[in-house]
C-alpha atoms as a PDB file:
ATOM      1  CA  MET A   1     -32.472  28.971  -3.547  1.00  0.00           C
ATOM      2  CA  SER A   2     -33.526  31.908  -1.684  1.00  0.00           C
ATOM      3  CA  PRO A   3     -33.313  35.668  -2.968  1.00  0.00           C
ATOM      4  CA  LEU A   4     -30.920  37.794  -0.779  1.00  0.00           C
ATOM      5  CA  ILE A   5     -31.949  41.040   0.126  1.00  0.00           C
ATOM      6  CA  LEU A   6     -29.506  43.841   1.522  1.00  0.00           C
ATOM      7  CA  ILE A   7     -31.234  46.628   3.577  1.00  0.00           C
ATOM      8  CA  VAL A   8     -28.870  49.689   4.059  1.00  0.00           C
ATOM      9  CA  GLU A   9     -30.144  52.005   6.518  1.00  0.00           C
ATOM     10  CA  ASN A  10     -28.844  54.226   9.482  1.00  0.00           C
ATOM     11  CA  SER A  11     -30.472  52.736  12.198  1.00  0.00           C
ATOM     12  CA  GLU A  12     -31.082  49.208  13.559  1.00  0.00           C
ATOM     13  CA  ILE A  13     -34.977  49.952  14.181  1.00  0.00           C
ATOM     14  CA  GLU A  14     -35.209  50.900  10.534  1.00  0.00           C
ATOM     15  CA  ILE A  15     -33.441  47.826   9.513  1.00  0.00           C
ATOM     16  CA  ASN A  16     -35.808  45.942  11.389  1.00  0.00           C
ATOM     17  CA  THR A  17     -39.091  47.534  10.174  1.00  0.00           C
ATOM     18  CA  ILE A  18     -37.717  46.930   6.504  1.00  0.00           C
ATOM     19  CA  ALA A  19     -36.875  43.635   7.198  1.00  0.00           C
ATOM     20  CA  ALA A  20     -40.482  42.749   8.568  1.00  0.00           C
ATOM     21  CA  ALA A  21     -42.361  44.363   5.649  1.00  0.00           C
ATOM     22  CA  THR A  22     -39.760  42.735   3.255  1.00  0.00           C
ATOM     23  CA  LEU A  23     -40.510  39.444   4.808  1.00  0.00           C
ATOM     24  CA  LEU A  24     -44.069  39.583   4.189  1.00  0.00           C
ATOM     25  CA  VAL A  25     -43.778  39.820   0.958  1.00  0.00           C
ATOM     26  CA  HIS A  26     -41.216  37.029   0.567  1.00  0.00           C
ATOM     27  CA  ARG A  27     -40.984  34.834   3.291  1.00  0.00           C
ATOM     28  CA  ASP A  28     -38.276  32.664   2.139  1.00  0.00           C
ATOM     29  CA  CYS A  29     -35.763  35.433   1.297  1.00  0.00           C
ATOM     30  CA  GLU A  30     -32.675  36.162   3.409  1.00  0.00           C
ATOM     31  CA  ILE A  31     -31.762  39.352   4.738  1.00  0.00           C
ATOM     32  CA  MET A  32     -28.463  41.060   5.371  1.00  0.00           C
ATOM     33  CA  SER A  33     -28.349  44.459   6.729  1.00  0.00           C
ATOM     34  CA  CYS A  34     -25.586  47.498   7.011  1.00  0.00           C
ATOM     35  CA  THR A  35     -25.456  50.790   8.082  1.00  0.00           C
ATOM     36  CA  SER A  36     -23.080  52.379   5.803  1.00  0.00           C
ATOM     37  CA  ALA A  37     -22.430  52.916   1.870  1.00  0.00           C
ATOM     38  CA  GLU A  38     -18.837  51.365   2.436  1.00  0.00           C
ATOM     39  CA  GLN A  39     -19.943  48.149   4.273  1.00  0.00           C
ATOM     40  CA  ALA A  40     -22.965  47.788   1.364  1.00  0.00           C
ATOM     41  CA  TRP A  41     -20.137  48.063  -1.368  1.00  0.00           C
ATOM     42  CA  SER A  42     -18.048  45.148   0.516  1.00  0.00           C
ATOM     43  CA  ILE A  43     -21.181  42.919   0.906  1.00  0.00           C
ATOM     44  CA  CYS A  44     -22.173  43.445  -2.774  1.00  0.00           C
ATOM     45  CA  GLU A  45     -18.448  42.350  -3.743  1.00  0.00           C
ATOM     46  CA  GLU A  46     -18.542  39.401  -1.787  1.00  0.00           C
ATOM     47  CA  THR A  47     -21.951  38.289  -1.712  1.00  0.00           C
ATOM     48  CA  PRO A  48     -23.862  39.829  -4.501  1.00  0.00           C
ATOM     49  CA  PRO A  49     -27.828  40.349  -3.400  1.00  0.00           C
ATOM     50  CA  ASP A  50     -30.636  39.976  -5.683  1.00  0.00           C
ATOM     51  CA  LEU A  51     -32.384  43.630  -4.016  1.00  0.00           C
ATOM     52  CA  ILE A  52     -30.733  46.237  -2.530  1.00  0.00           C
ATOM     53  CA  ILE A  53     -33.228  48.774  -0.444  1.00  0.00           C
ATOM     54  CA  CYS A  54     -31.353  51.592   0.876  1.00  0.00           C
ATOM     55  CA  ASN A  55     -31.959  54.695   2.602  1.00  0.00           C
ATOM     56  CA  ASP A  56     -30.759  57.888   0.649  1.00  0.00           C
ATOM     57  CA  ARG A  57     -29.719  59.580   3.604  1.00  0.00           C
ATOM     58  CA  LEU A  58     -26.505  57.443   4.792  1.00  0.00           C
ATOM     59  CA  ARG A  59     -24.049  59.165   6.894  1.00  0.00           C
ATOM     60  CA  GLY A  60     -20.856  59.397   4.764  1.00  0.00           C
ATOM     61  CA  ILE A  61     -21.512  58.574   1.162  1.00  0.00           C
ATOM     62  CA  ASP A  62     -25.394  58.912   0.535  1.00  0.00           C
ATOM     63  CA  GLY A  63     -27.632  55.855  -1.132  1.00  0.00           C
ATOM     64  CA  TYR A  64     -27.304  58.122  -4.537  1.00  0.00           C
ATOM     65  CA  GLU A  65     -23.838  58.157  -4.507  1.00  0.00           C
ATOM     66  CA  LEU A  66     -23.366  54.330  -3.845  1.00  0.00           C
ATOM     67  CA  CYS A  67     -26.360  53.424  -6.627  1.00  0.00           C
ATOM     68  CA  LYS A  68     -24.375  55.507  -8.803  1.00  0.00           C
ATOM     69  CA  ARG A  69     -21.096  53.630  -7.844  1.00  0.00           C
ATOM     70  CA  LEU A  70     -23.105  50.515  -8.171  1.00  0.00           C
ATOM     71  CA  LYS A  71     -24.363  50.842 -11.532  1.00  0.00           C
ATOM     72  CA  LYS A  72     -21.161  52.139 -13.251  1.00  0.00           C
ATOM     73  CA  ASN A  73     -18.680  50.656 -15.562  1.00  0.00           C
ATOM     74  CA  ARG A  74     -20.563  47.293 -15.351  1.00  0.00           C
ATOM     75  CA  THR A  75     -19.177  46.084 -12.185  1.00  0.00           C
ATOM     76  CA  PRO A  76     -20.234  42.806 -11.128  1.00  0.00           C
ATOM     77  CA  CYS A  77     -22.972  44.428  -9.332  1.00  0.00           C
ATOM     78  CA  CYS A  78     -24.457  46.878 -11.806  1.00  0.00           C
ATOM     79  CA  ASP A  79     -27.618  44.720 -12.914  1.00  0.00           C
ATOM     80  CA  ILE A  80     -28.979  44.136  -8.983  1.00  0.00           C
ATOM     81  CA  PRO A  81     -32.165  45.985  -8.723  1.00  0.00           C
ATOM     82  CA  PHE A  82     -32.182  48.720  -6.119  1.00  0.00           C
ATOM     83  CA  MET A  83     -34.694  50.538  -4.424  1.00  0.00           C
ATOM     84  CA  MET A  84     -34.116  53.907  -2.698  1.00  0.00           C
ATOM     85  CA  ILE A  85     -36.131  55.054   0.321  1.00  0.00           C
ATOM     86  CA  SER A  86     -36.396  58.355   1.588  1.00  0.00           C
ATOM     87  CA  SER A  87     -37.971  60.667   4.355  1.00  0.00           C
ATOM     88  CA  THR A  88     -37.290  63.565   1.758  1.00  0.00           C
ATOM     89  CA  HIS A  89     -40.060  66.290   2.180  1.00  0.00           C
ATOM     90  CA  ASP A  90     -39.461  66.740  -1.650  1.00  0.00           C
ATOM     91  CA  LYS A  91     -41.262  63.613  -3.303  1.00  0.00           C
ATOM     92  CA  VAL A  92     -41.048  64.343  -6.946  1.00  0.00           C
ATOM     93  CA  MET A  93     -37.473  65.134  -6.608  1.00  0.00           C
ATOM     94  CA  GLY A  94     -36.180  62.075  -4.721  1.00  0.00           C
ATOM     95  CA  PHE A  95     -37.750  60.321  -7.052  1.00  0.00           C
ATOM     96  CA  ILE A  96     -36.429  62.042 -10.127  1.00  0.00           C
ATOM     97  CA  ASP A  97     -32.812  61.558  -8.212  1.00  0.00           C
ATOM     98  CA  SER A  98     -33.573  58.102  -7.546  1.00  0.00           C
ATOM     99  CA  LEU A  99     -34.167  57.329 -11.173  1.00  0.00           C
ATOM    100  CA  LEU A 100     -30.941  59.352 -12.282  1.00  0.00           C
ATOM    101  CA  ALA A 101     -28.757  57.418 -10.096  1.00  0.00           C
ATOM    102  CA  GLY A 102     -29.923  53.922 -11.280  1.00  0.00           C
ATOM    103  CA  ALA A 103     -32.332  52.757  -8.929  1.00  0.00           C
ATOM    104  CA  PHE A 104     -35.633  51.196 -10.559  1.00  0.00           C
ATOM    105  CA  THR A 105     -37.994  52.409  -7.908  1.00  0.00           C
ATOM    106  CA  PHE A 106     -38.144  55.182  -5.127  1.00  0.00           C
ATOM    107  CA  GLU A 107     -40.234  54.772  -2.017  1.00  0.00           C
ATOM    108  CA  SER A 108     -41.066  57.456   0.507  1.00  0.00           C
ATOM    109  CA  LYS A 109     -41.375  57.229   4.364  1.00  0.00           C
ATOM    110  CA  PRO A 110     -43.501  56.491   6.106  1.00  0.00           C
ATOM    111  CA  LEU A 111     -43.596  53.330   3.774  1.00  0.00           C
ATOM    112  CA  SER A 112     -46.963  52.387   2.386  1.00  0.00           C
ATOM    113  CA  LEU A 113     -46.971  48.726   2.849  1.00  0.00           C
ATOM    114  CA  ARG A 114     -48.670  47.969  -0.404  1.00  0.00           C
ATOM    115  CA  ARG A 115     -46.439  49.880  -2.570  1.00  0.00           C
ATOM    116  CA  PHE A 116     -43.716  48.869  -0.667  1.00  0.00           C
ATOM    117  CA  LYS A 117     -44.392  45.181  -1.436  1.00  0.00           C
ATOM    118  CA  ASP A 118     -44.900  45.756  -5.025  1.00  0.00           C
ATOM    119  CA  GLY A 119     -41.768  47.142  -5.173  1.00  0.00           C
ATOM    120  CA  VAL A 120     -39.641  44.410  -3.623  1.00  0.00           C
ATOM    121  CA  ALA A 121     -41.574  41.808  -5.669  1.00  0.00           C
ATOM    122  CA  ARG A 122     -40.748  43.656  -8.953  1.00  0.00           C
ATOM    123  CA  GLY A 123     -37.253  44.188  -7.924  1.00  0.00           C
ATOM    124  CA  LEU A 124     -36.888  40.243  -7.392  1.00  0.00           C
ATOM    125  CA  ALA A 125     -38.662  39.738 -10.475  1.00  0.00           C
ATOM    126  CA  LEU A 126     -36.155  42.111 -12.349  1.00  0.00           C
ATOM    127  CA  SER A 127     -33.457  40.238 -10.515  1.00  0.00           C
ATOM    128  CA  CYS A 128     -34.417  36.988 -11.720  1.00  0.00           C
ATOM    129  CA  ALA A 129     -34.694  37.966 -15.111  1.00  0.00           C
ATOM    130  CA  LYS A 130     -31.657  39.411 -15.345  1.00  0.00           C
ATOM    131  CA  ARG A 131     -29.862  36.706 -14.112  1.00  0.00           C
ATOM    132  CA  GLY A 132     -32.042  34.161 -16.694  1.00  0.00           C
ATOM    133  CA  VAL A 133     -30.864  36.474 -19.469  1.00  0.00           C
ATOM    134  CA  HIS A 134     -26.816  36.322 -18.169  1.00  0.00           C
ATOM    135  CA  GLU A 135     -27.512  32.645 -18.258  1.00  0.00           C
ATOM    136  CA  LEU A 136     -28.400  32.856 -21.914  1.00  0.00           C
ATOM    137  CA  ASP A 137     -25.455  34.822 -22.878  1.00  0.00           C
ATOM    138  CA  GLY A 138     -23.331  32.387 -21.227  1.00  0.00           C
ATOM    139  CA  MET A 139     -25.247  29.469 -23.197  1.00  0.00           C
ATOM    140  CA  VAL A 140     -25.013  31.286 -26.121  1.00  0.00           C
ATOM    141  CA  GLY A 141     -21.495  31.698 -25.933  1.00  0.00           C
ATOM    142  CA  VAL A 142     -20.611  28.099 -25.201  1.00  0.00           C
ATOM    143  CA  ILE A 143     -23.006  27.049 -27.932  1.00  0.00           C
ATOM    144  CA  SER A 144     -20.798  29.471 -30.333  1.00  0.00           C
ATOM    145  CA  HIS A 145     -17.697  27.823 -29.629  1.00  0.00           C
ATOM    146  CA  VAL A 146     -19.136  24.628 -30.422  1.00  0.00           C
END
């Protein structure tokens, strides 16, 4: 099964740029996109992706708040790896704020293709590992009832 990646960005141009870079990392991935945190939340509830790549400065609810809400209260989406992307001038604070919100990494614009590719690869590996842990947890529950 191909990994599903959700890109949350303000503009179609940015979505297309990030999608093209993502496909360089994993040619077989499926990409969904949207332009708001509210749309991303709905997508995550319906079809949880394997990785979320999100701009920190979205209209309305920003990327940091979206990440916090997805990670909060053990929602079904709480284990989805979240990569924050920003054009902020204060890269150190962007990095710190991203980690505090629950993102596993932060990338600044303009994107370094090498770093971005590494981040996407790590995010997909994390997603695969977390999925395996959940499958093992389910097996342990079944075995303990036998």
